[in-house]
Amino acid sequence: MPSGGVVGRWGYEVTPGGRRHRSAQPRRADDADHNHLDSRLVNIAVTGSIATDHLMTFVGKFSDSLVVDQLDKISLSFLAEDLQIRRGGIGANICFGMANLGLSPVLVGAVGEDFADYRSWLERHGVDCASIHASQVRHTARFVCTTDDSHAQIATFYAGAMSEARDIELRPVSDRVGGLDLVVISPNDPEAMLRHTEECRTRGYPFVADPSQQLAWMDGPSIRLLVEGAAYLFSNEYEAALLEKKTGWSPDEVLDRVGIRITTLGRHGARIEQAGLPGIHVPVAAKADAVDPTGVGDAFRAGFLAGIAWKLSLERAAQVGALLATYVLETVGTQEYELGRGDVLRRLRKAYGDEAVADVEPHLVTPRP
């Protein structure tokens, strides 16, 4: 292999130029020991957005108040019937899920001085918030959305302090926690995503590419920089197609540039792929009573990351992710669900059988019912 690289636990060599080369003995997709993480010692840093969602409902239809030939002079106010303030942000959602499964994820992002209550909530649930940057001049990112009776929406997103995430260096985070086993690059300020990815390559930190929502706003060269050399690549089916379109890479070319590709398929489950190996399909955990799909993908990622930290097979890790996703789907809000050990194991057995329970139960740390 080329000199100057770091051979990581993910079966790749990370070179200073960012290229990844397969080790002499590539790992099998179904190898339960495809990494050497110990969930008691693992340090996973999750970089990404931290935000609050202000969700309102309007009884009526926006369209009834729109005058088509006067839209250039629009001046409207709608009386909201309901207001829900929810904790959110993709980075925070992923960390919340991991912490609820017993890990201690390190959340890395930027917030405002109005973050105190949210910080307390996350820390109380087991999230390490010591590496969060607090802006002195901007508020925490905020999503304000009003939905009418026809499910039409008028929304505004305020990035606020999130733009300062580009100033965060990962090396001090690594020094504080005693090294980073994995860094998740989830949707955030685009400059921050690029900086964190490049630092991972330079310092040899294995990383997860999860560009998700930002794919719509970023161009092909930027997306290629985010994906090249990732240990894991996450996307949903639409995002996977958009990534290939913007980068100009074929599916095989994507696989040649990452370690493991995970594509969520909605009600059809998830697909796991590695170059030169058969793909793995994981069905959804169960037919859930859907209430709100917001945050389902974040929960899947949280469960999957917990699974690999527990040294489970890729298939089993995806099953944990699929199970956690159902909890979010059944609640309003991305961090409002509660896990009980007995309920988790019961659902796991029903969806994936006794072997799944035997593999997961020794690692599961959740409150008992």
Protein backbone atom coordinates (compact mmCIF):
# COMPACT_ATOMS: atom_id res chain seq x y z
CA MET A 1 0.00 0.00 0.00
CA PRO A 2 1.17 3.59 -0.51
CA SER A 3 3.35 4.99 2.22
CA GLY A 4 2.30 7.83 4.51
CA GLY A 5 -1.16 6.45 5.29
CA VAL A 6 -2.87 5.18 8.38
CA VAL A 7 -4.38 1.70 8.28
CA GLY A 8 -7.68 2.03 10.09
CA ARG A 9 -9.96 -0.50 11.70
CA TRP A 10 -12.29 -0.20 8.72
CA GLY A 11 -10.08 -2.16 6.29
CA TYR A 12 -8.79 0.91 4.41
CA GLU A 13 -5.64 2.95 4.35
CA VAL A 14 -6.15 6.67 4.70
CA THR A 15 -3.45 8.64 2.90
CA PRO A 16 -2.73 12.35 3.35
CA GLY A 17 -4.22 13.04 -0.07
CA GLY A 18 -7.56 11.64 1.02
CA ARG A 19 -7.53 8.53 -1.18
CA ARG A 20 -8.46 5.25 0.42
CA HIS A 21 -6.91 1.96 -0.60
CA ARG A 22 -8.23 -1.43 0.32
CA SER A 23 -6.11 -3.36 2.77
CA ALA A 24 -4.55 -6.65 1.73
CA GLN A 25 -7.41 -8.55 3.38
CA PRO A 26 -10.71 -6.76 2.76
CA ARG A 27 -13.42 -7.54 5.24
CA ARG A 28 -16.57 -9.43 4.30
CA ALA A 29 -19.91 -7.62 4.42
CA ASP A 30 -21.30 -10.24 6.78
CA ASP A 31 -18.25 -10.35 9.06
CA ALA A 32 -19.46 -9.72 12.60
CA ASP A 33 -16.00 -8.43 13.50
CA HIS A 34 -15.73 -5.98 10.61
CA ASN A 35 -14.45 -3.42 13.12
CA HIS A 36 -12.85 -3.60 16.53
CA LEU A 37 -14.87 -1.04 18.41
CA ASP A 38 -15.82 -1.68 22.01
CA SER A 39 -19.02 0.14 22.93
CA ARG A 40 -17.63 0.86 26.39
CA LEU A 41 -14.64 2.67 24.94
CA VAL A 42 -15.83 3.88 21.54
CA ASN A 43 -15.57 7.56 20.69
CA ILE A 44 -17.92 8.56 17.90
CA ALA A 45 -18.15 12.27 17.11
CA VAL A 46 -21.27 13.41 15.28
CA THR A 47 -20.92 16.72 13.46
CA GLY A 48 -24.10 18.30 12.21
CA SER A 49 -26.95 20.71 12.69
CA ILE A 50 -28.45 21.56 16.08
CA ALA A 51 -31.76 23.40 15.85
CA THR A 52 -35.19 23.99 17.32
CA ASP A 53 -38.38 23.52 15.31
CA HIS A 54 -41.34 25.86 15.76
CA LEU A 55 -44.32 24.11 14.19
CA MET A 56 -47.69 25.84 13.82
CA THR A 57 -51.02 24.86 12.28
CA PHE A 58 -53.47 27.11 10.46
CA VAL A 59 -57.13 26.12 10.21
CA GLY A 60 -57.94 26.92 6.61
CA LYS A 61 -56.06 27.08 3.32
CA PHE A 62 -53.31 29.50 2.42
CA SER A 63 -54.57 29.49 -1.17
CA ASP A 64 -57.82 31.18 -0.10
CA SER A 65 -55.85 34.29 0.85
CA LEU A 66 -53.64 34.48 -2.22
CA VAL A 67 -54.43 36.96 -4.99
CA VAL A 68 -52.53 35.64 -8.00
CA ASP A 69 -52.02 38.97 -9.77
CA GLN A 70 -50.88 40.64 -6.53
CA LEU A 71 -48.18 38.21 -5.42
CA ASP A 72 -45.47 40.81 -5.98
CA LYS A 73 -47.13 42.86 -3.22
CA ILE A 74 -47.96 40.01 -0.89
CA SER A 75 -48.60 40.93 2.76
CA LEU A 76 -50.29 38.20 4.74
CA SER A 77 -50.70 37.11 8.33
CA PHE A 78 -52.25 33.81 9.42
CA LEU A 79 -53.66 33.11 12.87
CA ALA A 80 -52.06 29.88 14.08
CA GLU A 81 -54.21 27.42 15.98
CA ASP A 82 -51.39 25.46 17.58
CA LEU A 83 -47.68 25.81 18.34
CA GLN A 84 -45.25 23.01 19.08
CA ILE A 85 -41.61 23.70 19.87
CA ARG A 86 -39.45 20.66 19.28
CA ARG A 87 -35.78 19.93 19.69
CA GLY A 88 -34.14 19.01 16.42
CA GLY A 89 -31.14 19.23 14.13
CA ILE A 90 -29.75 16.14 12.44
CA GLY A 91 -26.55 15.95 14.47
CA ALA A 92 -28.46 16.26 17.73
CA ASN A 93 -31.08 13.72 16.64
CA ILE A 94 -28.45 11.10 15.79
CA CYS A 95 -26.68 11.63 19.11
CA PHE A 96 -29.94 11.41 21.05
CA GLY A 97 -30.70 8.04 19.49
CA MET A 98 -27.23 6.64 20.14
CA ALA A 99 -27.30 7.84 23.75
CA ASN A 100 -30.68 6.19 24.30
CA LEU A 101 -29.06 2.90 23.29
CA GLY A 102 -26.31 3.32 25.87
CA LEU A 103 -23.48 5.00 23.95
CA SER A 104 -21.88 8.34 24.78
CA PRO A 105 -21.72 10.15 21.42
CA VAL A 106 -19.84 13.43 21.13
CA LEU A 107 -21.98 16.13 19.53
CA VAL A 108 -20.01 18.68 17.49
CA GLY A 109 -21.81 21.74 16.16
CA ALA A 110 -22.53 25.41 16.76
CA VAL A 111 -25.32 26.94 18.84
CA GLY A 112 -26.34 30.28 20.32
CA GLU A 113 -26.59 31.47 23.91
CA ASP A 114 -30.22 30.31 23.90
CA PHE A 115 -29.08 26.67 23.95
CA ALA A 116 -28.95 26.15 27.74
CA ASP A 117 -32.19 24.19 28.15
CA TYR A 118 -31.54 22.09 25.07
CA ARG A 119 -28.01 21.33 26.27
CA SER A 120 -29.36 20.17 29.62
CA TRP A 121 -31.84 17.85 27.87
CA LEU A 122 -29.15 16.23 25.73
CA GLU A 123 -26.67 15.84 28.58
CA ARG A 124 -29.38 14.32 30.78
CA HIS A 125 -29.92 11.71 28.09
CA GLY A 126 -26.22 10.85 27.80
CA VAL A 127 -24.92 13.06 24.97
CA ASP A 128 -21.44 14.59 25.38
CA CYS A 129 -21.95 18.31 24.65
CA ALA A 130 -18.55 19.58 25.78
CA SER A 131 -17.31 20.17 22.22
CA ILE A 132 -20.24 22.30 21.07
CA HIS A 133 -19.28 25.81 19.97
CA ALA A 134 -21.42 28.63 21.44
CA SER A 135 -21.79 31.75 19.31
CA GLN A 136 -21.63 35.12 21.03
CA VAL A 137 -23.67 36.91 18.39
CA ARG A 138 -26.14 34.46 16.79
CA HIS A 139 -29.07 32.38 17.97
CA THR A 140 -29.31 28.61 17.61
CA ALA A 141 -30.58 27.56 14.18
CA ARG A 142 -34.36 27.63 13.94
CA PHE A 143 -36.98 26.16 11.63
CA VAL A 144 -40.34 27.96 11.68
CA CYS A 145 -43.14 26.28 9.74
CA THR A 146 -46.91 26.79 9.44
CA THR A 147 -49.02 24.03 7.90
CA ASP A 148 -52.59 24.52 6.66
CA ASP A 149 -55.46 22.05 6.40
CA SER A 150 -54.34 20.91 2.95
CA HIS A 151 -50.80 20.20 4.29
CA ALA A 152 -49.40 23.15 2.33
CA GLN A 153 -46.54 24.74 4.24
CA ILE A 154 -44.94 28.15 4.59
CA ALA A 155 -41.56 27.84 6.28
CA THR A 156 -38.41 29.76 7.07
CA PHE A 157 -35.06 28.33 8.17
CA TYR A 158 -32.69 30.54 10.13
CA ALA A 159 -29.17 29.13 10.02
CA GLY A 160 -27.89 31.44 12.73
CA ALA A 161 -25.04 30.00 14.77
CA MET A 162 -24.79 26.97 12.48
CA SER A 163 -22.66 29.08 10.12
CA GLU A 164 -19.94 29.17 12.80
CA ALA A 165 -19.56 25.39 12.71
CA ARG A 166 -16.95 25.95 10.00
CA ASP A 167 -14.64 27.33 12.71
CA ILE A 168 -14.62 24.07 14.68
CA GLU A 169 -11.43 21.98 14.62
CA LEU A 170 -11.72 18.25 15.29
CA ARG A 171 -8.23 17.75 16.74
CA PRO A 172 -9.11 19.34 20.13
CA VAL A 173 -12.19 17.11 20.28
CA SER A 174 -10.03 14.06 19.68
CA ASP A 175 -7.49 15.17 22.28
CA ARG A 176 -10.21 15.74 24.88
CA VAL A 177 -11.85 12.32 24.54
CA GLY A 178 -8.68 10.30 23.90
CA GLY A 179 -9.00 9.77 20.15
CA LEU A 180 -11.82 9.45 17.65
CA ASP A 181 -12.85 6.04 16.33
CA LEU A 182 -15.34 7.48 13.86
CA VAL A 183 -16.56 10.92 12.78
CA VAL A 184 -20.03 11.38 11.31
CA ILE A 185 -20.30 14.24 8.80
CA SER A 186 -24.04 14.93 8.72
CA PRO A 187 -25.87 17.93 7.19
CA ASN A 188 -24.53 21.18 8.55
CA ASP A 189 -23.04 24.41 7.28
CA PRO A 190 -21.58 23.31 3.90
CA GLU A 191 -18.18 24.83 4.63
CA ALA A 192 -18.11 23.02 7.95
CA MET A 193 -18.89 19.71 6.26
CA LEU A 194 -16.04 20.17 3.80
CA ARG A 195 -13.60 21.24 6.51
CA HIS A 196 -14.45 18.33 8.80
CA THR A 197 -14.13 15.85 5.94
CA GLU A 198 -10.75 17.17 4.89
CA GLU A 199 -9.48 17.10 8.47
CA CYS A 200 -10.60 13.47 8.81
CA ARG A 201 -8.56 12.58 5.74
CA THR A 202 -5.52 14.51 6.92
CA ARG A 203 -5.54 13.13 10.45
CA GLY A 204 -6.67 9.61 9.56
CA TYR A 205 -10.03 9.69 11.33
CA PRO A 206 -12.44 7.19 9.70
CA PHE A 207 -15.57 9.10 8.72
CA VAL A 208 -19.18 8.66 7.71
CA ALA A 209 -20.43 10.70 4.73
CA ASP A 210 -24.06 11.66 5.29
CA PRO A 211 -24.64 14.69 3.00
CA SER A 212 -28.41 14.10 2.88
CA GLN A 213 -30.32 17.39 2.63
CA GLN A 214 -27.31 19.37 1.50
CA LEU A 215 -27.03 17.40 -1.75
CA ALA A 216 -29.66 19.68 -3.27
CA TRP A 217 -27.57 22.78 -2.64
CA MET A 218 -24.03 21.51 -3.32
CA ASP A 219 -22.38 21.03 -6.70
CA GLY A 220 -20.70 17.89 -8.01
CA PRO A 221 -17.10 18.74 -7.05
CA SER A 222 -18.12 19.56 -3.46
CA ILE A 223 -20.13 16.35 -3.14
CA ARG A 224 -17.20 14.33 -4.45
CA LEU A 225 -15.02 15.88 -1.73
CA LEU A 226 -17.54 14.86 0.94
CA VAL A 227 -17.84 11.26 -0.26
CA GLU A 228 -14.36 10.25 -1.41
CA GLY A 229 -12.75 7.89 1.09
CA ALA A 230 -15.69 7.56 3.50
CA ALA A 231 -15.86 4.41 5.62
CA TYR A 232 -19.65 4.60 5.34
CA LEU A 233 -21.96 6.49 3.00
CA PHE A 234 -25.59 7.09 4.01
CA SER A 235 -28.43 8.32 1.81
CA ASN A 236 -32.02 7.57 0.94
CA GLU A 237 -32.97 6.29 -2.50
CA TYR A 238 -33.64 9.72 -4.01
CA GLU A 239 -30.46 11.18 -2.54
CA ALA A 240 -28.46 8.25 -3.91
CA ALA A 241 -29.67 9.02 -7.43
CA LEU A 242 -29.03 12.74 -6.97
CA LEU A 243 -25.51 12.04 -5.71
CA GLU A 244 -24.73 9.93 -8.77
CA LYS A 245 -26.20 12.55 -11.11
CA LYS A 246 -24.25 15.45 -9.63
CA THR A 247 -20.93 13.63 -9.23
CA GLY A 248 -21.14 11.83 -12.57
CA TRP A 249 -20.23 8.58 -10.82
CA SER A 250 -21.94 5.29 -11.60
CA PRO A 251 -23.12 3.12 -8.67
CA ASP A 252 -20.00 0.96 -9.08
CA GLU A 253 -17.77 4.04 -9.07
CA VAL A 254 -19.38 5.20 -5.84
CA LEU A 255 -18.71 1.81 -4.26
CA ASP A 256 -15.10 1.97 -5.36
CA ARG A 257 -14.69 5.23 -3.42
CA VAL A 258 -16.29 4.28 -0.11
CA GLY A 259 -16.10 1.36 2.27
CA ILE A 260 -19.77 0.56 2.81
CA ARG A 261 -22.82 2.17 1.19
CA ILE A 262 -26.14 2.17 3.06
CA THR A 263 -29.26 3.29 1.22
CA THR A 264 -32.57 3.58 3.05
CA LEU A 265 -35.60 2.61 0.98
CA GLY A 266 -38.54 3.86 3.02
CA ARG A 267 -41.14 1.14 3.58
CA HIS A 268 -38.91 -1.28 1.64
CA GLY A 269 -36.18 -1.20 4.31
CA ALA A 270 -32.51 -0.61 3.57
CA ARG A 271 -29.77 -1.87 1.25
CA ILE A 272 -26.12 -2.38 2.24
CA GLU A 273 -23.44 -2.65 -0.45
CA GLN A 274 -19.70 -3.21 -0.69
CA ALA A 275 -17.60 -3.42 -3.84
CA GLY A 276 -17.20 -7.02 -5.02
CA LEU A 277 -19.62 -8.51 -2.48
CA PRO A 278 -23.31 -9.42 -2.64
CA GLY A 279 -25.66 -6.73 -1.38
CA ILE A 280 -27.64 -7.13 1.84
CA HIS A 281 -31.31 -6.18 2.09
CA VAL A 282 -32.82 -5.45 5.50
CA PRO A 283 -36.63 -5.12 5.72
CA VAL A 284 -38.34 -2.59 7.97
CA ALA A 285 -38.72 -3.66 11.58
CA ALA A 286 -42.51 -3.65 11.63
CA LYS A 287 -45.55 -1.94 10.23
CA ALA A 288 -45.62 1.08 12.50
CA ASP A 289 -48.59 3.33 13.26
CA ALA A 290 -47.10 6.28 11.41
CA VAL A 291 -47.59 9.66 13.09
CA ASP A 292 -44.72 11.81 11.82
CA PRO A 293 -41.83 10.73 9.54
CA THR A 294 -39.56 13.60 10.57
CA GLY A 295 -36.28 12.26 11.97
CA VAL A 296 -36.79 8.65 10.91
CA GLY A 297 -33.57 8.63 8.88
CA ASP A 298 -31.63 10.12 11.78
CA ALA A 299 -32.87 7.34 14.07
CA PHE A 300 -31.85 4.68 11.55
CA ARG A 301 -28.33 6.10 11.48
CA ALA A 302 -28.21 6.20 15.27
CA GLY A 303 -29.22 2.56 15.56
CA PHE A 304 -26.84 1.45 12.83
CA LEU A 305 -23.91 3.26 14.45
CA ALA A 306 -24.77 1.69 17.80
CA GLY A 307 -24.79 -1.71 16.12
CA ILE A 308 -21.32 -1.35 14.66
CA ALA A 309 -20.04 -0.03 17.99
CA TRP A 310 -21.37 -3.26 19.50
CA LYS A 311 -19.42 -5.23 16.85
CA LEU A 312 -22.58 -6.58 15.27
CA SER A 313 -22.74 -7.63 11.64
CA LEU A 314 -23.78 -5.01 9.10
CA GLU A 315 -27.13 -6.71 8.67
CA ARG A 316 -27.79 -6.77 12.41
CA ALA A 317 -26.69 -3.14 12.80
CA ALA A 318 -29.17 -2.13 10.10
CA GLN A 319 -31.89 -4.06 11.92
CA VAL A 320 -31.20 -2.05 15.08
CA GLY A 321 -31.41 1.09 12.96
CA ALA A 322 -34.70 0.02 11.40
CA LEU A 323 -36.15 -0.76 14.82
CA LEU A 324 -35.18 2.63 16.27
CA ALA A 325 -36.69 4.32 13.22
CA THR A 326 -40.11 2.87 14.06
CA TYR A 327 -40.07 4.56 17.46
CA VAL A 328 -39.58 7.95 15.83
CA LEU A 329 -42.20 7.25 13.18
CA GLU A 330 -44.75 6.59 15.92
CA THR A 331 -44.20 9.91 17.72
CA VAL A 332 -44.43 13.62 16.95
CA GLY A 333 -40.97 15.11 17.24
CA THR A 334 -37.53 13.69 16.63
CA GLN A 335 -36.52 13.24 20.27
CA GLU A 336 -39.80 12.48 22.00
CA TYR A 337 -39.69 8.67 21.96
CA GLU A 338 -38.85 6.51 24.96
CA LEU A 339 -37.18 3.11 24.86
CA GLY A 340 -37.88 0.32 27.31
CA ARG A 341 -35.56 -2.69 27.30
CA GLY A 342 -38.38 -5.21 27.32
CA ASP A 343 -40.28 -3.49 24.52
CA VAL A 344 -37.18 -3.13 22.36
CA LEU A 345 -36.35 -6.82 22.67
CA ARG A 346 -39.96 -7.86 22.08
CA ARG A 347 -40.14 -5.83 18.88
CA LEU A 348 -36.73 -7.05 17.77
CA ARG A 349 -37.75 -10.69 18.23
CA LYS A 350 -40.99 -10.18 16.33
CA ALA A 351 -39.25 -8.48 13.41
CA TYR A 352 -35.96 -10.37 13.13
CA GLY A 353 -36.11 -13.46 15.32
CA ASP A 354 -34.42 -14.98 18.35
CA GLU A 355 -30.90 -14.73 16.94
CA ALA A 356 -31.24 -10.96 16.64
CA VAL A 357 -32.26 -10.75 20.28
CA ALA A 358 -29.34 -12.94 21.34
CA ASP A 359 -26.91 -10.67 19.50
CA VAL A 360 -28.34 -7.35 20.73
CA GLU A 361 -29.45 -8.06 24.30
CA PRO A 362 -25.95 -8.15 25.89
CA HIS A 363 -25.27 -4.64 24.63
CA LEU A 364 -28.63 -2.97 25.13
CA VAL A 365 -28.62 -0.28 27.76
CA THR A 366 -32.08 1.27 28.04
CA PRO A 367 -34.44 1.92 30.97
CA ARG A 368 -36.46 -1.07 32.01
CA PRO A 369 -40.26 -0.67 31.61
